[in-house]
Each structure stands twice: as C-alpha cells, then as structure tokens.
PDB file of N, CA and C in Angstrom:
ATOM      1  N   MET A   1      26.031  83.188  18.879  1.00  0.00           N
ATOM      2  CA  MET A   1      27.103  83.339  17.776  1.00  0.00           C
ATOM      3  C   MET A   1      28.512  83.319  18.139  1.00  0.00           C
ATOM      4  N   ASN A   2      29.265  82.495  17.711  1.00  0.00           N
ATOM      5  CA  ASN A   2      30.556  82.637  17.987  1.00  0.00           C
ATOM      6  C   ASN A   2      31.396  83.690  17.276  1.00  0.00           C
ATOM      7  N   GLN A   3      32.681  84.097  17.788  1.00  0.00           N
ATOM      8  CA  GLN A   3      33.425  85.049  17.145  1.00  0.00           C
ATOM      9  C   GLN A   3      33.616  84.700  15.629  1.00  0.00           C
ATOM     10  N   GLN A   4      34.002  83.523  15.285  1.00  0.00           N
ATOM     11  CA  GLN A   4      34.100  83.192  13.765  1.00  0.00           C
ATOM     12  C   GLN A   4      32.916  83.523  13.020  1.00  0.00           C
ATOM     13  N   ALA A   5      31.649  83.131  13.725  1.00  0.00           N
ATOM     14  CA  ALA A   5      30.539  83.258  12.799  1.00  0.00           C
ATOM     15  C   ALA A   5      30.196  84.912  12.634  1.00  0.00           C
ATOM     16  N   MET A   6      30.621  85.529  13.788  1.00  0.00           N
ATOM     17  CA  MET A   6      30.325  87.037  13.602  1.00  0.00           C
ATOM     18  C   MET A   6      31.115  87.639  12.591  1.00  0.00           C
ATOM     19  N   ASN A   7      32.562  87.027  12.421  1.00  0.00           N
ATOM     20  CA  ASN A   7      33.406  87.787  11.484  1.00  0.00           C
ATOM     21  C   ASN A   7      32.956  87.374   9.954  1.00  0.00           C
ATOM     22  N   GLN A   8      32.299  86.367   9.812  1.00  0.00           N
ATOM     23  CA  GLN A   8      31.930  85.871   8.626  1.00  0.00           C
ATOM     24  C   GLN A   8      30.488  86.590   8.157  1.00  0.00           C
ATOM     25  N   ARG A   9      29.927  87.188   9.142  1.00  0.00           N
ATOM     26  CA  ARG A   9      28.731  88.065   8.677  1.00  0.00           C
ATOM     27  C   ARG A   9      28.950  89.461   8.591  1.00  0.00           C
ATOM     28  N   THR A  10      28.466  89.972   7.612  1.00  0.00           N
ATOM     29  CA  THR A  10      28.761  91.500   7.398  1.00  0.00           C
ATOM     30  C   THR A  10      27.579  92.337   7.976  1.00  0.00           C
ATOM     31  N   ILE A  11      28.041  93.448   8.159  1.00  0.00           N
ATOM     32  CA  ILE A  11      26.926  94.533   8.728  1.00  0.00           C
ATOM     33  C   ILE A  11      25.745  94.367   7.750  1.00  0.00           C
ATOM     34  N   GLY A  12      25.976  94.412   6.453  1.00  0.00           N
ATOM     35  CA  GLY A  12      24.761  94.419   5.489  1.00  0.00           C
ATOM     36  C   GLY A  12      23.888  93.373   5.638  1.00  0.00           C
ATOM     37  N   GLU A  13      24.439  92.092   5.894  1.00  0.00           N
ATOM     38  CA  GLU A  13      23.504  90.885   6.146  1.00  0.00           C
ATOM     39  C   GLU A  13      22.806  91.029   7.552  1.00  0.00           C
ATOM     40  N   ALA A  14      23.665  91.435   8.566  1.00  0.00           N
ATOM     41  CA  ALA A  14      23.078  91.614   9.776  1.00  0.00           C
ATOM     42  C   ALA A  14      21.876  92.783   9.859  1.00  0.00           C
ATOM     43  N   THR A  15      22.011  93.688   9.000  1.00  0.00           N
ATOM     44  CA  THR A  15      20.705  94.747   9.098  1.00  0.00           C
ATOM     45  C   THR A  15      19.745  94.558   8.016  1.00  0.00           C
ATOM     46  N   THR A  16      19.909  93.563   6.965  1.00  0.00           N
ATOM     47  CA  THR A  16      18.913  93.383   6.166  1.00  0.00           C
ATOM     48  C   THR A  16      17.730  92.979   6.916  1.00  0.00           C
ATOM     49  N   GLY A  17      16.470  93.369   6.557  1.00  0.00           N
ATOM     50  CA  GLY A  17      15.212  93.377   7.038  1.00  0.00           C
ATOM     51  C   GLY A  17      14.900  94.089   8.126  1.00  0.00           C
ATOM     52  N   GLY A  18      15.687  95.034   8.656  1.00  0.00           N
ATOM     53  CA  GLY A  18      15.471  95.965   9.526  1.00  0.00           C
ATOM     54  C   GLY A  18      15.866  95.289  11.005  1.00  0.00           C
ATOM     55  N   GLY A  19      15.011  95.643  12.054  1.00  0.00           N
ATOM     56  CA  GLY A  19      15.237  95.165  13.330  1.00  0.00           C
ATOM     57  C   GLY A  19      15.115  96.419  14.411  1.00  0.00           C
ATOM     58  N   LEU A  20      15.410  95.940  15.713  1.00  0.00           N
ATOM     59  CA  LEU A  20      15.318  96.810  16.719  1.00  0.00           C
ATOM     60  C   LEU A  20      16.659  96.970  17.244  1.00  0.00           C
ATOM     61  N   LEU A  21      17.207  98.140  17.196  1.00  0.00           N
ATOM     62  CA  LEU A  21      18.643  98.242  17.829  1.00  0.00           C
ATOM     63  C   LEU A  21      18.584  98.825  19.188  1.00  0.00           C
ATOM     64  N   VAL A  22      19.348  98.396  19.969  1.00  0.00           N
ATOM     65  CA  VAL A  22      19.409  98.880  21.331  1.00  0.00           C
ATOM     66  C   VAL A  22      20.791  99.222  21.688  1.00  0.00           C
ATOM     67  N   VAL A  23      20.923 100.225  22.198  1.00  0.00           N
ATOM     68  CA  VAL A  23      22.268 100.774  22.653  1.00  0.00           C
ATOM     69  C   VAL A  23      22.231 101.166  24.179  1.00  0.00           C
ATOM     70  N   ALA A  24      23.193 100.652  24.769  1.00  0.00           N
ATOM     71  CA  ALA A  24      23.217 100.854  26.181  1.00  0.00           C
ATOM     72  C   ALA A  24      24.586 101.310  26.665  1.00  0.00           C
ATOM     73  N   GLN A  25      24.687 102.118  27.688  1.00  0.00           N
ATOM     74  CA  GLN A  25      25.867 102.534  28.228  1.00  0.00           C
ATOM     75  C   GLN A  25      25.859 102.180  29.645  1.00  0.00           C
ATOM     76  N   TRP A  26      26.982 101.750  30.279  1.00  0.00           N
ATOM     77  CA  TRP A  26      27.062 101.422  31.563  1.00  0.00           C
ATOM     78  C   TRP A  26      28.320 102.057  32.093  1.00  0.00           C
ATOM     79  N   GLU A  27      28.228 102.217  33.423  1.00  0.00           N
ATOM     80  CA  GLU A  27      29.395 102.690  34.131  1.00  0.00           C
ATOM     81  C   GLU A  27      29.601 101.947  35.317  1.00  0.00           C
ATOM     82  N   ALA A  28      30.581 101.240  35.581  1.00  0.00           N
ATOM     83  CA  ALA A  28      30.657 100.301  36.954  1.00  0.00           C
ATOM     84  C   ALA A  28      30.983 101.323  37.988  1.00  0.00           C
ATOM     85  N   LYS A  29      30.587 100.803  39.272  1.00  0.00           N
ATOM     86  CA  LYS A  29      31.008 101.421  40.456  1.00  0.00           C
ATOM     87  C   LYS A  29      32.475 101.371  40.722  1.00  0.00           C
ATOM     88  N   GLU A  30      32.933 102.336  41.355  1.00  0.00           N
ATOM     89  CA  GLU A  30      34.530 102.370  41.926  1.00  0.00           C
ATOM     90  C   GLU A  30      34.985 101.016  42.163  1.00  0.00           C
ATOM     91  N   GLY A  31      35.878 100.588  41.663  1.00  0.00           N
ATOM     92  CA  GLY A  31      36.510  99.298  41.815  1.00  0.00           C
ATOM     93  C   GLY A  31      35.856  97.967  41.244  1.00  0.00           C
ATOM     94  N   GLN A  32      34.944  98.079  40.517  1.00  0.00           N
ATOM     95  CA  GLN A  32      34.006  96.998  40.103  1.00  0.00           C
ATOM     96  C   GLN A  32      34.136  96.749  38.624  1.00  0.00           C
ATOM     97  N   ALA A  33      35.036  97.560  37.791  1.00  0.00           N
ATOM     98  CA  ALA A  33      34.981  97.592  36.502  1.00  0.00           C
ATOM     99  C   ALA A  33      35.547  96.052  35.869  1.00  0.00           C
ATOM    100  N   ASP A  34      36.655  95.689  36.607  1.00  0.00           N
ATOM    101  CA  ASP A  34      37.064  94.379  36.275  1.00  0.00           C
ATOM    102  C   ASP A  34      36.069  93.329  36.472  1.00  0.00           C
ATOM    103  N   ASN A  35      35.457  93.273  37.495  1.00  0.00           N
ATOM    104  CA  ASN A  35      34.308  92.286  37.778  1.00  0.00           C
ATOM    105  C   ASN A  35      33.078  92.246  36.683  1.00  0.00           C
ATOM    106  N   VAL A  36      32.839  93.609  36.509  1.00  0.00           N
ATOM    107  CA  VAL A  36      31.859  93.694  35.394  1.00  0.00           C
ATOM    108  C   VAL A  36      32.199  93.139  33.913  1.00  0.00           C
ATOM    109  N   ALA A  37      33.478  93.318  33.758  1.00  0.00           N
ATOM    110  CA  ALA A  37      34.084  92.995  32.439  1.00  0.00           C
ATOM    111  C   ALA A  37      34.129  91.353  32.403  1.00  0.00           C
ATOM    112  N   LYS A  38      34.499  90.796  33.401  1.00  0.00           N
ATOM    113  CA  LYS A  38      34.392  89.343  33.438  1.00  0.00           C
ATOM    114  C   LYS A  38      33.057  88.783  33.390  1.00  0.00           C
ATOM    115  N   ILE A  39      31.946  89.348  34.137  1.00  0.00           N
ATOM    116  CA  ILE A  39      30.783  88.772  33.738  1.00  0.00           C
ATOM    117  C   ILE A  39      30.410  89.114  32.208  1.00  0.00           C
ATOM    118  N   LEU A  40      30.707  90.227  31.600  1.00  0.00           N
ATOM    119  CA  LEU A  40      30.260  90.232  30.384  1.00  0.00           C
ATOM    120  C   LEU A  40      30.832  89.500  29.461  1.00  0.00           C
ATOM    121  N   ARG A  41      32.146  88.976  29.673  1.00  0.00           N
ATOM    122  CA  ARG A  41      32.782  88.012  28.675  1.00  0.00           C
ATOM    123  C   ARG A  41      31.973  86.795  28.972  1.00  0.00           C
ATOM    124  N   ASP A  42      31.736  86.392  30.176  1.00  0.00           N
ATOM    125  CA  ASP A  42      30.816  85.142  30.312  1.00  0.00           C
ATOM    126  C   ASP A  42      29.613  85.117  29.673  1.00  0.00           C
ATOM    127  N   PHE A  43      29.133  86.316  29.656  1.00  0.00           N
ATOM    128  CA  PHE A  43      27.541  86.489  28.994  1.00  0.00           C
ATOM    129  C   PHE A  43      27.659  86.545  27.518  1.00  0.00           C
ATOM    130  N   LEU A  44      28.682  87.068  26.890  1.00  0.00           N
ATOM    131  CA  LEU A  44      28.647  87.604  25.519  1.00  0.00           C
ATOM    132  C   LEU A  44      28.225  86.496  24.355  1.00  0.00           C
ATOM    133  N   SER A  45      28.938  85.362  24.619  1.00  0.00           N
ATOM    134  CA  SER A  45      28.741  84.303  23.519  1.00  0.00           C
ATOM    135  C   SER A  45      27.295  83.753  23.657  1.00  0.00           C
ATOM    136  N   GLN A  46      26.724  83.861  24.767  1.00  0.00           N
ATOM    137  CA  GLN A  46      25.412  83.050  25.004  1.00  0.00           C
ATOM    138  C   GLN A  46      24.389  84.182  24.197  1.00  0.00           C
ATOM    139  N   ALA A  47      24.557  85.605  24.402  1.00  0.00           N
ATOM    140  CA  ALA A  47      23.844  86.468  23.997  1.00  0.00           C
ATOM    141  C   ALA A  47      23.978  86.464  22.479  1.00  0.00           C
ATOM    142  N   GLN A  48      25.081  86.300  21.912  1.00  0.00           N
ATOM    143  CA  GLN A  48      25.364  86.333  20.396  1.00  0.00           C
ATOM    144  C   GLN A  48      24.711  85.167  19.822  1.00  0.00           C
ATOM    145  N   SER A  49      24.520  84.118  20.552  1.00  0.00           N
ATOM    146  CA  SER A  49      23.905  82.658  20.037  1.00  0.00           C
ATOM    147  C   SER A  49      22.275  82.774  19.942  1.00  0.00           C
ATOM    148  N   GLU A  50      21.666  83.775  20.712  1.00  0.00           N
ATOM    149  CA  GLU A  50      20.181  83.850  20.748  1.00  0.00           C
ATOM    150  C   GLU A  50      19.816  83.981  19.261  1.00  0.00           C
ATOM    151  N   PRO A  51      18.682  83.012  18.891  1.00  0.00           N
ATOM    152  CA  PRO A  51      18.196  83.113  17.474  1.00  0.00           C
ATOM    153  C   PRO A  51      17.690  84.404  16.900  1.00  0.00           C
ATOM    154  N   GLY A  52      17.227  85.183  17.972  1.00  0.00           N
ATOM    155  CA  GLY A  52      16.742  86.622  17.504  1.00  0.00           C
ATOM    156  C   GLY A  52      17.680  87.822  17.473  1.00  0.00           C
ATOM    157  N   ALA A  53      19.001  87.394  17.989  1.00  0.00           N
ATOM    158  CA  ALA A  53      20.064  88.508  18.028  1.00  0.00           C
ATOM    159  C   ALA A  53      20.792  88.362  16.623  1.00  0.00           C
ATOM    160  N   LYS A  54      20.667  89.441  15.846  1.00  0.00           N
ATOM    161  CA  LYS A  54      21.298  89.714  14.684  1.00  0.00           C
ATOM    162  C   LYS A  54      22.721  90.187  14.680  1.00  0.00           C
ATOM    163  N   LEU A  55      23.018  91.072  15.804  1.00  0.00           N
ATOM    164  CA  LEU A  55      24.277  91.534  15.960  1.00  0.00           C
ATOM    165  C   LEU A  55      24.449  91.781  17.487  1.00  0.00           C
ATOM    166  N   PHE A  56      25.382  91.449  18.183  1.00  0.00           N
ATOM    167  CA  PHE A  56      25.529  91.619  19.690  1.00  0.00           C
ATOM    168  C   PHE A  56      27.074  92.043  19.912  1.00  0.00           C
ATOM    169  N   LEU A  57      27.184  93.327  20.234  1.00  0.00           N
ATOM    170  CA  LEU A  57      28.701  93.748  20.523  1.00  0.00           C
ATOM    171  C   LEU A  57      28.780  94.359  21.824  1.00  0.00           C
ATOM    172  N   ILE A  58      29.887  94.001  22.582  1.00  0.00           N
ATOM    173  CA  ILE A  58      30.023  95.069  23.851  1.00  0.00           C
ATOM    174  C   ILE A  58      31.423  95.411  23.821  1.00  0.00           C
ATOM    175  N   SER A  59      31.620  96.560  24.139  1.00  0.00           N
ATOM    176  CA  SER A  59      32.879  97.203  24.054  1.00  0.00           C
ATOM    177  C   SER A  59      33.187  98.035  25.555  1.00  0.00           C
ATOM    178  N   ARG A  60      34.499  98.185  25.658  1.00  0.00           N
ATOM    179  CA  ARG A  60      34.876  98.845  26.866  1.00  0.00           C
ATOM    180  C   ARG A  60      35.777 100.016  26.599  1.00  0.00           C
ATOM    181  N   ALA A  61      35.538 101.239  27.333  1.00  0.00           N
ATOM    182  CA  ALA A  61      36.112 102.398  26.832  1.00  0.00           C
ATOM    183  C   ALA A  61      37.585 102.351  27.176  1.00  0.00           C
ATOM    184  N   ASN A  62      38.546 102.850  26.009  1.00  0.00           N
ATOM    185  CA  ASN A  62      40.006 102.888  26.294  1.00  0.00           C
ATOM    186  C   ASN A  62      40.415 103.808  27.329  1.00  0.00           C
ATOM    187  N   ASP A  63      39.690 104.988  27.396  1.00  0.00           N
ATOM    188  CA  ASP A  63      40.145 105.926  28.277  1.00  0.00           C
ATOM    189  C   ASP A  63      39.549 105.940  29.839  1.00  0.00           C
ATOM    190  N   ASN A  64      38.412 105.275  29.759  1.00  0.00           N
ATOM    191  CA  ASN A  64      37.702 105.038  31.104  1.00  0.00           C
ATOM    192  C   ASN A  64      37.212 103.600  31.283  1.00  0.00           C
ATOM    193  N   PRO A  65      38.087 102.473  31.725  1.00  0.00           N
ATOM    194  CA  PRO A  65      37.765 101.221  31.652  1.00  0.00           C
ATOM    195  C   PRO A  65      36.456 100.892  32.447  1.00  0.00           C
ATOM    196  N   ALA A  66      35.825 101.827  33.233  1.00  0.00           N
ATOM    197  CA  ALA A  66      34.644 101.528  34.004  1.00  0.00           C
ATOM    198  C   ALA A  66      33.408 101.625  33.092  1.00  0.00           C
ATOM    199  N   GLN A  67      33.711 102.258  31.900  1.00  0.00           N
ATOM    200  CA  GLN A  67      32.525 102.451  30.934  1.00  0.00           C
ATOM    201  C   GLN A  67      32.508 101.353  29.896  1.00  0.00           C
ATOM    202  N   PHE A  68      31.204 100.911  29.617  1.00  0.00           N
ATOM    203  CA  PHE A  68      31.048  99.773  28.504  1.00  0.00           C
ATOM    204  C   PHE A  68      29.888 100.323  27.680  1.00  0.00           C
ATOM    205  N   LEU A  69      29.876  99.791  26.477  1.00  0.00           N
ATOM    206  CA  LEU A  69      28.971 100.320  25.523  1.00  0.00           C
ATOM    207  C   LEU A  69      28.583  99.031  24.816  1.00  0.00           C
ATOM    208  N   PHE A  70      27.253  98.881  24.773  1.00  0.00           N
ATOM    209  CA  PHE A  70      26.429  97.758  24.079  1.00  0.00           C
ATOM    210  C   PHE A  70      25.851  98.041  22.754  1.00  0.00           C
ATOM    211  N   TYR A  71      25.871  97.429  21.801  1.00  0.00           N
ATOM    212  CA  TYR A  71      25.458  97.846  20.477  1.00  0.00           C
ATOM    213  C   TYR A  71      24.610  96.458  20.113  1.00  0.00           C
ATOM    214  N   GLU A  72      23.458  96.388  20.304  1.00  0.00           N
ATOM    215  CA  GLU A  72      22.504  95.023  20.171  1.00  0.00           C
ATOM    216  C   GLU A  72      21.471  95.321  18.913  1.00  0.00           C
ATOM    217  N   LEU A  73      21.489  94.469  18.168  1.00  0.00           N
ATOM    218  CA  LEU A  73      20.639  94.335  17.057  1.00  0.00           C
ATOM    219  C   LEU A  73      19.675  93.094  16.999  1.00  0.00           C
ATOM    220  N   PHE A  74      18.463  93.180  17.283  1.00  0.00           N
ATOM    221  CA  PHE A  74      17.557  92.086  17.315  1.00  0.00           C
ATOM    222  C   PHE A  74      16.520  92.034  16.315  1.00  0.00           C
ATOM    223  N   ARG A  75      16.030  90.901  15.784  1.00  0.00           N
ATOM    224  CA  ARG A  75      15.163  90.666  14.878  1.00  0.00           C
ATOM    225  C   ARG A  75      13.841  91.659  14.968  1.00  0.00           C
ATOM    226  N   ASP A  76      13.412  91.713  16.116  1.00  0.00           N
ATOM    227  CA  ASP A  76      12.239  92.672  16.315  1.00  0.00           C
ATOM    228  C   ASP A  76      12.003  92.684  17.854  1.00  0.00           C
ATOM    229  N   GLU A  77      10.953  93.272  18.228  1.00  0.00           N
ATOM    230  CA  GLU A  77      10.598  93.530  19.736  1.00  0.00           C
ATOM    231  C   GLU A  77      10.601  92.254  20.503  1.00  0.00           C
ATOM    232  N   ALA A  78      10.033  91.210  19.909  1.00  0.00           N
ATOM    233  CA  ALA A  78       9.736  89.968  20.524  1.00  0.00           C
ATOM    234  C   ALA A  78      10.937  89.352  20.833  1.00  0.00           C
ATOM    235  N   ALA A  79      12.091  89.343  19.832  1.00  0.00           N
ATOM    236  CA  ALA A  79      13.357  88.941  20.148  1.00  0.00           C
ATOM    237  C   ALA A  79      14.064  89.603  21.473  1.00  0.00           C
ATOM    238  N   PHE A  80      13.895  90.743  21.453  1.00  0.00           N
ATOM    239  CA  PHE A  80      14.375  91.579  22.551  1.00  0.00           C
ATOM    240  C   PHE A  80      13.942  91.231  23.922  1.00  0.00           C
ATOM    241  N   ARG A  81      12.460  90.920  23.824  1.00  0.00           N
ATOM    242  CA  ARG A  81      11.913  90.579  25.139  1.00  0.00           C
ATOM    243  C   ARG A  81      12.361  89.296  25.521  1.00  0.00           C
ATOM    244  N   ALA A  82      12.599  88.229  24.653  1.00  0.00           N
ATOM    245  CA  ALA A  82      13.253  86.997  24.649  1.00  0.00           C
ATOM    246  C   ALA A  82      14.526  86.980  25.268  1.00  0.00           C
ATOM    247  N   HIS A  83      15.328  87.912  24.800  1.00  0.00           N
ATOM    248  CA  HIS A  83      16.720  88.197  25.373  1.00  0.00           C
ATOM    249  C   HIS A  83      16.602  88.603  26.721  1.00  0.00           C
ATOM    250  N   GLN A  84      15.775  89.393  27.169  1.00  0.00           N
ATOM    251  CA  GLN A  84      15.743  89.791  28.459  1.00  0.00           C
ATOM    252  C   GLN A  84      15.042  88.642  29.464  1.00  0.00           C
ATOM    253  N   GLU A  85      14.278  87.734  28.889  1.00  0.00           N
ATOM    254  CA  GLU A  85      13.859  86.701  29.782  1.00  0.00           C
ATOM    255  C   GLU A  85      14.588  85.463  29.610  1.00  0.00           C
ATOM    256  N   SER A  86      15.866  85.389  28.878  1.00  0.00           N
ATOM    257  CA  SER A  86      16.800  84.159  29.021  1.00  0.00           C
ATOM    258  C   SER A  86      17.334  84.131  30.117  1.00  0.00           C
ATOM    259  N   ALA A  87      17.902  82.743  30.543  1.00  0.00           N
ATOM    260  CA  ALA A  87      18.362  82.380  31.771  1.00  0.00           C
ATOM    261  C   ALA A  87      19.699  83.108  31.905  1.00  0.00           C
ATOM    262  N   HIS A  88      20.598  83.355  30.781  1.00  0.00           N
ATOM    263  CA  HIS A  88      21.816  83.820  30.855  1.00  0.00           C
ATOM    264  C   HIS A  88      21.620  85.496  31.208  1.00  0.00           C
ATOM    265  N   PHE A  89      20.551  86.030  30.712  1.00  0.00           N
ATOM    266  CA  PHE A  89      20.445  87.523  30.992  1.00  0.00           C
ATOM    267  C   PHE A  89      19.955  87.595  32.572  1.00  0.00           C
ATOM    268  N   LYS A  90      19.141  86.846  32.824  1.00  0.00           N
ATOM    269  CA  LYS A  90      18.736  86.889  34.361  1.00  0.00           C
ATOM    270  C   LYS A  90      19.933  86.607  35.211  1.00  0.00           C
ATOM    271  N   THR A  91      20.861  85.575  34.930  1.00  0.00           N
ATOM    272  CA  THR A  91      21.952  85.191  35.723  1.00  0.00           C
ATOM    273  C   THR A  91      22.923  86.275  35.696  1.00  0.00           C
ATOM    274  N   TYR A  92      23.505  86.442  34.508  1.00  0.00           N
ATOM    275  CA  TYR A  92      24.736  87.440  34.307  1.00  0.00           C
ATOM    276  C   TYR A  92      24.439  88.736  34.503  1.00  0.00           C
ATOM    277  N   ILE A  93      23.379  89.363  33.760  1.00  0.00           N
ATOM    278  CA  ILE A  93      22.880  90.883  33.731  1.00  0.00           C
ATOM    279  C   ILE A  93      22.333  91.225  35.091  1.00  0.00           C
ATOM    280  N   ALA A  94      21.120  90.664  35.240  1.00  0.00           N
ATOM    281  CA  ALA A  94      20.262  90.974  36.315  1.00  0.00           C
ATOM    282  C   ALA A  94      20.591  90.579  37.596  1.00  0.00           C
ATOM    283  N   GLY A  95      21.278  89.446  37.633  1.00  0.00           N
ATOM    284  CA  GLY A  95      21.716  88.917  38.942  1.00  0.00           C
ATOM    285  C   GLY A  95      23.054  89.437  39.309  1.00  0.00           C
ATOM    286  N   GLN A  96      23.929  89.492  38.416  1.00  0.00           N
ATOM    287  CA  GLN A  96      25.410  89.776  38.792  1.00  0.00           C
ATOM    288  C   GLN A  96      25.929  91.124  38.573  1.00  0.00           C
ATOM    289  N   ALA A  97      25.753  91.532  37.126  1.00  0.00           N
ATOM    290  CA  ALA A  97      26.256  92.982  36.785  1.00  0.00           C
ATOM    291  C   ALA A  97      25.616  94.133  37.190  1.00  0.00           C
ATOM    292  N   LEU A  98      24.265  94.072  37.301  1.00  0.00           N
ATOM    293  CA  LEU A  98      23.610  95.417  37.490  1.00  0.00           C
ATOM    294  C   LEU A  98      23.895  95.860  38.977  1.00  0.00           C
ATOM    295  N   PRO A  99      23.994  95.023  39.991  1.00  0.00           N
ATOM    296  CA  PRO A  99      24.397  95.666  41.310  1.00  0.00           C
ATOM    297  C   PRO A  99      25.593  96.094  41.508  1.00  0.00           C
ATOM    298  N   LEU A 100      26.452  96.056  40.349  1.00  0.00           N
ATOM    299  CA  LEU A 100      27.915  96.548  40.335  1.00  0.00           C
ATOM    300  C   LEU A 100      28.014  97.882  39.571  1.00  0.00           C
ATOM    301  N   LEU A 101      26.939  98.489  39.096  1.00  0.00           N
ATOM    302  CA  LEU A 101      26.864  99.601  38.308  1.00  0.00           C
ATOM    303  C   LEU A 101      26.339 100.828  39.037  1.00  0.00           C
ATOM    304  N   ALA A 102      27.216 101.950  38.577  1.00  0.00           N
ATOM    305  CA  ALA A 102      26.732 103.256  39.093  1.00  0.00           C
ATOM    306  C   ALA A 102      25.899 103.977  38.299  1.00  0.00           C
ATOM    307  N   LYS A 103      25.896 103.410  36.940  1.00  0.00           N
ATOM    308  CA  LYS A 103      24.988 104.217  35.861  1.00  0.00           C
ATOM    309  C   LYS A 103      24.771 103.159  34.872  1.00  0.00           C
ATOM    310  N   ARG A 104      23.497 103.287  34.373  1.00  0.00           N
ATOM    311  CA  ARG A 104      23.015 102.248  33.281  1.00  0.00           C
ATOM    312  C   ARG A 104      22.051 103.167  32.375  1.00  0.00           C
ATOM    313  N   GLU A 105      22.111 103.458  31.316  1.00  0.00           N
ATOM    314  CA  GLU A 105      21.224 104.080  30.304  1.00  0.00           C
ATOM    315  C   GLU A 105      21.092 103.139  28.880  1.00  0.00           C
ATOM    316  N   ARG A 106      19.856 103.287  28.566  1.00  0.00           N
ATOM    317  CA  ARG A 106      19.664 102.459  27.450  1.00  0.00           C
ATOM    318  C   ARG A 106      18.647 103.181  26.485  1.00  0.00           C
ATOM    319  N   ALA A 107      18.845 103.028  25.088  1.00  0.00           N
ATOM    320  CA  ALA A 107      17.948 103.686  24.062  1.00  0.00           C
ATOM    321  C   ALA A 107      17.629 102.525  23.154  1.00  0.00           C
ATOM    322  N   GLN A 108      16.335 102.706  22.412  1.00  0.00           N
ATOM    323  CA  GLN A 108      16.086 101.722  21.358  1.00  0.00           C
ATOM    324  C   GLN A 108      15.818 102.623  20.189  1.00  0.00           C
ATOM    325  N   TYR A 109      16.223 101.868  18.843  1.00  0.00           N
ATOM    326  CA  TYR A 109      16.004 102.717  17.716  1.00  0.00           C
ATOM    327  C   TYR A 109      15.478 101.607  16.627  1.00  0.00           C
ATOM    328  N   ALA A 110      14.776 102.149  15.730  1.00  0.00           N
ATOM    329  CA  ALA A 110      14.320 101.344  14.514  1.00  0.00           C
ATOM    330  C   ALA A 110      15.428 101.643  13.395  1.00  0.00           C
ATOM    331  N   LEU A 111      15.835 100.398  12.707  1.00  0.00           N
ATOM    332  CA  LEU A 111      16.744 100.742  11.672  1.00  0.00           C
ATOM    333  C   LEU A 111      16.032 101.378  10.556  1.00  0.00           C
ATOM    334  N   MET A 112      16.824 102.161   9.748  1.00  0.00           N
ATOM    335  CA  MET A 112      16.261 102.989   8.633  1.00  0.00           C
ATOM    336  C   MET A 112      16.497 102.088   7.519  1.00  0.00           C
TER     337      MET A 112
END
C-alpha cells in the first residue's frame, strides 16, 4: 500500500474485522542505524502492499535513532506467515537487516 492509499484509510477501516497485531522493537548495532533505516525504507512499501497487511508502520525513535518500532496489523495468522515467507522479507529483513541488529523483540496481540 502506498503512502497516499495509507492516508486515505482510517484506523477504523484497518481494524474492522479484527486481525493479528505484531509489535516489534529493534535496536541497531553501533554505527549501523542509518544502514538499517535505508533497508527499512526499501522494504516498507512492499510490506504495505501485501494483500494481508491491513496496516504496516515503521518508526524511528527521535531520542535514539538506533531504535525502530514496527506496528503491523495483518488480516490473520496466515497473512503474517505469508509476510514472513515473502521475497522482500527474506531479502531485506532476514538477509540484510537482522545481521545489523543488537536487539530484536516481537510480540503478537489479538485486536479487541
């Protein structure tokens, strides 16, 4: 989903029908934050365009640019699995970004 499409969709529309919410926090290794940010910029539009991604946001901390926060809402567990099996996830996240991280945490939630 491109930025224009994301702007036209409300949070209410994205959350209608529930879904699987994934929140992840990353911290880049010393000296790698800008490299991680570039990888994530290359990755983001493809992740937002996945058919099972209802909302996909990545942010960078203002007070510590080595920290990144992901807020991902998928249609269901199958959509999340498809996301992890996508070529862009394997290339950008598994192949390029993960080796540059000092810390990676992830939690899953069901929408209420």
